[in-house]
Amino acid sequence: MHGRVQGVFFRDTCRREALGLGVVGYVRNEADGTVTAEFEGSAPAVEAMVEWARRGPRQAAVVRVDVAEIAPGGRREFQIL
């Protein structure tokens, strides 16, 4: 995610959203000011997470979300890294 996405509780809010949807994966801050996340779950739940990421929490100002489909990683929980 690109924009104002660090220092706005993006990771914590993302984790709460994922838990509510039954999505596993992770979210982490990057050194360049972006946030990276991987979502794994049912197609509708993952799509809902991607849509949420386009908005982020109230304080965020998301300007771009890059989406790529990857093979499932077999994670068992959603982590903040």
C-alpha atoms as a PDB file:
ATOM      1  CA  MET A   1       0.000   0.000   0.000  1.00  0.00           C
ATOM      2  CA  HIS A   2       1.266   3.421  -0.870  1.00  0.00           C
ATOM      3  CA  GLY A   3       0.371   6.779   0.642  1.00  0.00           C
ATOM      4  CA  ARG A   4       0.061   7.777   4.285  1.00  0.00           C
ATOM      5  CA  VAL A   5      -0.047   4.217   5.592  1.00  0.00           C
ATOM      6  CA  GLN A   6       2.498   4.201   8.412  1.00  0.00           C
ATOM      7  CA  GLY A   7       1.855   5.771  11.792  1.00  0.00           C
ATOM      8  CA  VAL A   8      -1.922   5.571  11.326  1.00  0.00           C
ATOM      9  CA  PHE A   9      -2.637   2.173  12.955  1.00  0.00           C
ATOM     10  CA  PHE A  10      -2.785   0.526   9.531  1.00  0.00           C
ATOM     11  CA  ARG A  11      -1.215  -2.766  10.645  1.00  0.00           C
ATOM     12  CA  ASP A  12      -3.289  -3.137  13.801  1.00  0.00           C
ATOM     13  CA  THR A  13      -6.527  -2.290  12.035  1.00  0.00           C
ATOM     14  CA  CYS A  14      -5.617  -4.615   9.164  1.00  0.00           C
ATOM     15  CA  ARG A  15      -5.081  -7.465  11.620  1.00  0.00           C
ATOM     16  CA  ARG A  16      -8.456  -6.857  13.255  1.00  0.00           C
ATOM     17  CA  GLU A  17     -10.191  -6.803   9.863  1.00  0.00           C
ATOM     18  CA  ALA A  18      -8.448 -10.031   8.837  1.00  0.00           C
ATOM     19  CA  LEU A  19      -9.397 -11.783  12.070  1.00  0.00           C
ATOM     20  CA  GLY A  20     -13.019 -10.762  11.578  1.00  0.00           C
ATOM     21  CA  LEU A  21     -13.046 -12.233   8.075  1.00  0.00           C
ATOM     22  CA  GLY A  22     -11.127 -15.400   8.919  1.00  0.00           C
ATOM     23  CA  VAL A  23      -8.142 -14.369   6.797  1.00  0.00           C
ATOM     24  CA  VAL A  24      -4.593 -15.455   7.635  1.00  0.00           C
ATOM     25  CA  GLY A  25      -1.326 -13.891   6.466  1.00  0.00           C
ATOM     26  CA  TYR A  26       0.679 -10.890   7.568  1.00  0.00           C
ATOM     27  CA  VAL A  27       1.119  -7.140   7.336  1.00  0.00           C
ATOM     28  CA  ARG A  28       4.391  -5.239   7.753  1.00  0.00           C
ATOM     29  CA  ASN A  29       5.857  -1.760   7.374  1.00  0.00           C
ATOM     30  CA  GLU A  30       8.584  -1.332   4.771  1.00  0.00           C
ATOM     31  CA  ALA A  31      11.592   0.981   5.019  1.00  0.00           C
ATOM     32  CA  ASP A  32      10.334   3.061   2.062  1.00  0.00           C
ATOM     33  CA  GLY A  33       7.132   4.073   3.917  1.00  0.00           C
ATOM     34  CA  THR A  34       4.845   1.544   2.249  1.00  0.00           C
ATOM     35  CA  VAL A  35       3.007  -1.367   3.834  1.00  0.00           C
ATOM     36  CA  THR A  36       3.099  -4.925   2.492  1.00  0.00           C
ATOM     37  CA  ALA A  37       0.456  -7.516   3.283  1.00  0.00           C
ATOM     38  CA  GLU A  38      -0.379 -11.064   2.261  1.00  0.00           C
ATOM     39  CA  PHE A  39      -3.934 -12.331   2.649  1.00  0.00           C
ATOM     40  CA  GLU A  40      -4.953 -15.987   2.517  1.00  0.00           C
ATOM     41  CA  GLY A  41      -8.474 -17.306   2.861  1.00  0.00           C
ATOM     42  CA  SER A  42     -11.671 -17.740   0.884  1.00  0.00           C
ATOM     43  CA  ALA A  43     -11.881 -15.697  -2.304  1.00  0.00           C
ATOM     44  CA  PRO A  44     -14.643 -13.413  -0.953  1.00  0.00           C
ATOM     45  CA  ALA A  45     -12.716 -12.802   2.288  1.00  0.00           C
ATOM     46  CA  VAL A  46      -9.480 -11.993   0.464  1.00  0.00           C
ATOM     47  CA  GLU A  47     -11.351  -9.682  -1.911  1.00  0.00           C
ATOM     48  CA  ALA A  48     -12.886  -7.922   1.100  1.00  0.00           C
ATOM     49  CA  MET A  49      -9.416  -7.445   2.595  1.00  0.00           C
ATOM     50  CA  VAL A  50      -8.075  -5.981  -0.640  1.00  0.00           C
ATOM     51  CA  GLU A  51     -11.037  -3.587  -0.762  1.00  0.00           C
ATOM     52  CA  TRP A  52     -10.396  -2.643   2.867  1.00  0.00           C
ATOM     53  CA  ALA A  53      -6.708  -2.045   2.056  1.00  0.00           C
ATOM     54  CA  ARG A  54      -7.721   0.435  -0.649  1.00  0.00           C
ATOM     55  CA  ARG A  55      -9.285   2.570   2.128  1.00  0.00           C
ATOM     56  CA  GLY A  56      -7.319   1.583   5.226  1.00  0.00           C
ATOM     57  CA  PRO A  57      -8.141   2.973   8.656  1.00  0.00           C
ATOM     58  CA  ARG A  58      -9.679   6.431   9.041  1.00  0.00           C
ATOM     59  CA  GLN A  59      -6.335   8.197   9.465  1.00  0.00           C
ATOM     60  CA  ALA A  60      -4.763   6.637   6.356  1.00  0.00           C
ATOM     61  CA  ALA A  61      -4.563   8.171   2.909  1.00  0.00           C
ATOM     62  CA  VAL A  62      -4.054   5.208   0.578  1.00  0.00           C
ATOM     63  CA  VAL A  63      -3.103   6.310  -2.919  1.00  0.00           C
ATOM     64  CA  ARG A  64      -2.225   2.965  -4.504  1.00  0.00           C
ATOM     65  CA  VAL A  65      -2.539  -0.754  -3.782  1.00  0.00           C
ATOM     66  CA  ASP A  66      -0.529  -3.187  -5.889  1.00  0.00           C
ATOM     67  CA  VAL A  67      -2.186  -6.625  -6.000  1.00  0.00           C
ATOM     68  CA  ALA A  68      -0.601  -9.884  -7.134  1.00  0.00           C
ATOM     69  CA  GLU A  69      -1.924 -13.404  -6.826  1.00  0.00           C
ATOM     70  CA  ILE A  70       0.527 -15.771  -5.148  1.00  0.00           C
ATOM     71  CA  ALA A  71       0.464 -19.402  -4.055  1.00  0.00           C
ATOM     72  CA  PRO A  72      -0.981 -19.994  -0.581  1.00  0.00           C
ATOM     73  CA  GLY A  73       1.695 -19.995   2.092  1.00  0.00           C
ATOM     74  CA  GLY A  74      -0.129 -22.234   4.544  1.00  0.00           C
ATOM     75  CA  ARG A  75      -0.127 -19.688   7.368  1.00  0.00           C
ATOM     76  CA  ARG A  76      -2.288 -20.446  10.393  1.00  0.00           C
ATOM     77  CA  GLU A  77      -2.816 -16.935  11.758  1.00  0.00           C
ATOM     78  CA  PHE A  78      -2.612 -13.278  10.820  1.00  0.00           C
ATOM     79  CA  GLN A  79       0.539 -11.591  12.085  1.00  0.00           C
ATOM     80  CA  ILE A  80       1.911  -8.090  12.329  1.00  0.00           C
ATOM     81  CA  LEU A  81       5.548  -8.366  11.300  1.00  0.00           C
END
